[in-house]
């Protein structure tokens, strides 16, 4: 019975550290019109799919790949570094 609290603490510590290895720094920022207001969104990756540029956008896009058309402007380079090494969510 004494092992149960120790196991629970270990599980909580491991769960709390689960996202540390995947933390990434944003590579640029974009401005999106959300709810009638300009909102600055951090961008974590850039890729091209079928001649369409997509950004891996942070909150409020929940780190999903979204079209460049969602942004009125970005600080990304004109010729962005294409990063396809980023993990994607499996459905």
C-alpha atoms as a PDB file:
ATOM      1  CA  UNK A   1       0.000   0.000   0.000  1.00  0.00           C
ATOM      2  CA  UNK A   2       2.965   2.324   0.573  1.00  0.00           C
ATOM      3  CA  UNK A   3       4.017   1.899  -3.057  1.00  0.00           C
ATOM      4  CA  UNK A   4       0.810   3.444  -4.402  1.00  0.00           C
ATOM      5  CA  UNK A   5       1.646   7.078  -3.450  1.00  0.00           C
ATOM      6  CA  UNK A   6       5.189   6.682  -4.798  1.00  0.00           C
ATOM      7  CA  UNK A   7       3.885   5.318  -8.093  1.00  0.00           C
ATOM      8  CA  UNK A   8       1.313   8.133  -8.313  1.00  0.00           C
ATOM      9  CA  UNK A   9       4.028  10.760  -7.770  1.00  0.00           C
ATOM     10  CA  UNK A  10       6.261   9.177 -10.429  1.00  0.00           C
ATOM     11  CA  UNK A  11       3.400   9.100 -12.935  1.00  0.00           C
ATOM     12  CA  UNK A  12       2.565  12.758 -12.228  1.00  0.00           C
ATOM     13  CA  UNK A  13       6.207  13.804 -12.690  1.00  0.00           C
ATOM     14  CA  UNK A  14       6.533  11.923 -15.969  1.00  0.00           C
ATOM     15  CA  UNK A  15       3.251  13.340 -17.276  1.00  0.00           C
ATOM     16  CA  UNK A  16       4.347  16.873 -16.384  1.00  0.00           C
ATOM     17  CA  UNK A  17       7.616  16.494 -18.300  1.00  0.00           C
ATOM     18  CA  UNK A  18       6.086  14.896 -21.396  1.00  0.00           C
ATOM     19  CA  UNK A  19       6.116  18.037 -23.563  1.00  0.00           C
ATOM     20  CA  UNK A  20       9.543  19.366 -22.632  1.00  0.00           C
ATOM     21  CA  UNK A  21      11.434  17.587 -25.408  1.00  0.00           C
ATOM     22  CA  UNK A  22       9.109  18.902 -28.133  1.00  0.00           C
ATOM     23  CA  UNK A  23       9.218  22.594 -27.212  1.00  0.00           C
ATOM     24  CA  UNK A  24      10.113  24.706 -30.239  1.00  0.00           C
ATOM     25  CA  UNK A  25      10.874  28.345 -30.768  1.00  0.00           C
ATOM     26  CA  UNK A  26       8.755  30.273 -33.288  1.00  0.00           C
ATOM     27  CA  UNK A  27      10.508  31.057 -36.565  1.00  0.00           C
ATOM     28  CA  UNK A  28       8.355  34.090 -37.413  1.00  0.00           C
ATOM     29  CA  UNK A  29       5.026  35.790 -36.661  1.00  0.00           C
ATOM     30  CA  UNK A  30       1.918  36.526 -38.647  1.00  0.00           C
ATOM     31  CA  UNK A  31      -1.074  38.819 -38.282  1.00  0.00           C
ATOM     32  CA  UNK A  32      -4.483  37.193 -38.693  1.00  0.00           C
ATOM     33  CA  UNK A  33      -7.929  38.799 -38.573  1.00  0.00           C
ATOM     34  CA  UNK A  34      -9.838  36.894 -35.887  1.00  0.00           C
ATOM     35  CA  UNK A  35     -13.169  38.062 -34.539  1.00  0.00           C
ATOM     36  CA  UNK A  36     -12.758  41.418 -36.259  1.00  0.00           C
ATOM     37  CA  UNK A  37      -9.422  42.121 -34.569  1.00  0.00           C
ATOM     38  CA  UNK A  38      -5.852  41.806 -35.784  1.00  0.00           C
ATOM     39  CA  UNK A  39      -4.180  39.051 -33.774  1.00  0.00           C
ATOM     40  CA  UNK A  40      -0.462  38.249 -33.758  1.00  0.00           C
ATOM     41  CA  UNK A  41       0.143  34.519 -34.153  1.00  0.00           C
ATOM     42  CA  UNK A  42       3.492  32.793 -33.718  1.00  0.00           C
ATOM     43  CA  UNK A  43       4.536  30.532 -36.604  1.00  0.00           C
ATOM     44  CA  UNK A  44       6.570  27.391 -35.921  1.00  0.00           C
ATOM     45  CA  UNK A  45       7.042  25.950 -39.405  1.00  0.00           C
ATOM     46  CA  UNK A  46       6.580  26.568 -43.119  1.00  0.00           C
ATOM     47  CA  UNK A  47       5.820  24.029 -45.830  1.00  0.00           C
ATOM     48  CA  UNK A  48       4.545  23.915 -49.398  1.00  0.00           C
ATOM     49  CA  UNK A  49       1.761  21.510 -50.345  1.00  0.00           C
ATOM     50  CA  UNK A  50       0.501  21.512 -53.948  1.00  0.00           C
ATOM     51  CA  UNK A  51       1.935  25.008 -54.590  1.00  0.00           C
ATOM     52  CA  UNK A  52       0.221  26.334 -51.465  1.00  0.00           C
ATOM     53  CA  UNK A  53       2.297  27.743 -48.601  1.00  0.00           C
ATOM     54  CA  UNK A  54       1.182  26.584 -45.182  1.00  0.00           C
ATOM     55  CA  UNK A  55       2.274  27.770 -41.751  1.00  0.00           C
ATOM     56  CA  UNK A  56       2.348  25.736 -38.555  1.00  0.00           C
ATOM     57  CA  UNK A  57       0.575  28.343 -36.446  1.00  0.00           C
ATOM     58  CA  UNK A  58       0.395  28.473 -32.665  1.00  0.00           C
ATOM     59  CA  UNK A  59      -2.503  29.705 -30.564  1.00  0.00           C
ATOM     60  CA  UNK A  60      -5.336  30.307 -31.584  1.00  0.00           C
ATOM     61  CA  UNK A  61      -4.773  27.886 -34.499  1.00  0.00           C
ATOM     62  CA  UNK A  62      -3.682  25.134 -32.074  1.00  0.00           C
ATOM     63  CA  UNK A  63      -0.389  24.367 -33.816  1.00  0.00           C
ATOM     64  CA  UNK A  64      -2.126  23.149 -36.975  1.00  0.00           C
ATOM     65  CA  UNK A  65      -0.967  23.640 -40.552  1.00  0.00           C
ATOM     66  CA  UNK A  66      -3.001  26.548 -41.947  1.00  0.00           C
ATOM     67  CA  UNK A  67      -2.974  28.312 -45.296  1.00  0.00           C
ATOM     68  CA  UNK A  68      -0.933  31.451 -45.850  1.00  0.00           C
ATOM     69  CA  UNK A  69      -4.239  33.081 -46.880  1.00  0.00           C
ATOM     70  CA  UNK A  70      -5.298  33.200 -43.207  1.00  0.00           C
ATOM     71  CA  UNK A  71      -2.689  35.907 -42.553  1.00  0.00           C
ATOM     72  CA  UNK A  72      -2.737  39.520 -43.699  1.00  0.00           C
ATOM     73  CA  UNK A  73       1.043  39.770 -43.154  1.00  0.00           C
ATOM     74  CA  UNK A  74       3.953  37.753 -41.753  1.00  0.00           C
ATOM     75  CA  UNK A  75       7.554  38.334 -40.725  1.00  0.00           C
ATOM     76  CA  UNK A  76       8.601  35.147 -42.534  1.00  0.00           C
ATOM     77  CA  UNK A  77      11.208  35.521 -45.289  1.00  0.00           C
ATOM     78  CA  UNK A  78      10.072  35.944 -48.870  1.00  0.00           C
ATOM     79  CA  UNK A  79      11.714  32.579 -49.637  1.00  0.00           C
ATOM     80  CA  UNK A  80      10.962  30.725 -46.388  1.00  0.00           C
ATOM     81  CA  UNK A  81      12.933  27.739 -45.201  1.00  0.00           C
ATOM     82  CA  UNK A  82      10.713  24.764 -45.914  1.00  0.00           C
ATOM     83  CA  UNK A  83      10.491  22.608 -42.791  1.00  0.00           C
ATOM     84  CA  UNK A  84       8.819  19.264 -43.274  1.00  0.00           C
ATOM     85  CA  UNK A  85      10.627  17.684 -40.328  1.00  0.00           C
ATOM     86  CA  UNK A  86       8.007  18.901 -37.876  1.00  0.00           C
ATOM     87  CA  UNK A  87       5.771  16.259 -36.344  1.00  0.00           C
ATOM     88  CA  UNK A  88       2.134  16.199 -37.362  1.00  0.00           C
ATOM     89  CA  UNK A  89      -0.820  15.071 -35.304  1.00  0.00           C
ATOM     90  CA  UNK A  90      -2.122  11.659 -36.207  1.00  0.00           C
ATOM     91  CA  UNK A  91      -5.868  11.434 -36.446  1.00  0.00           C
END
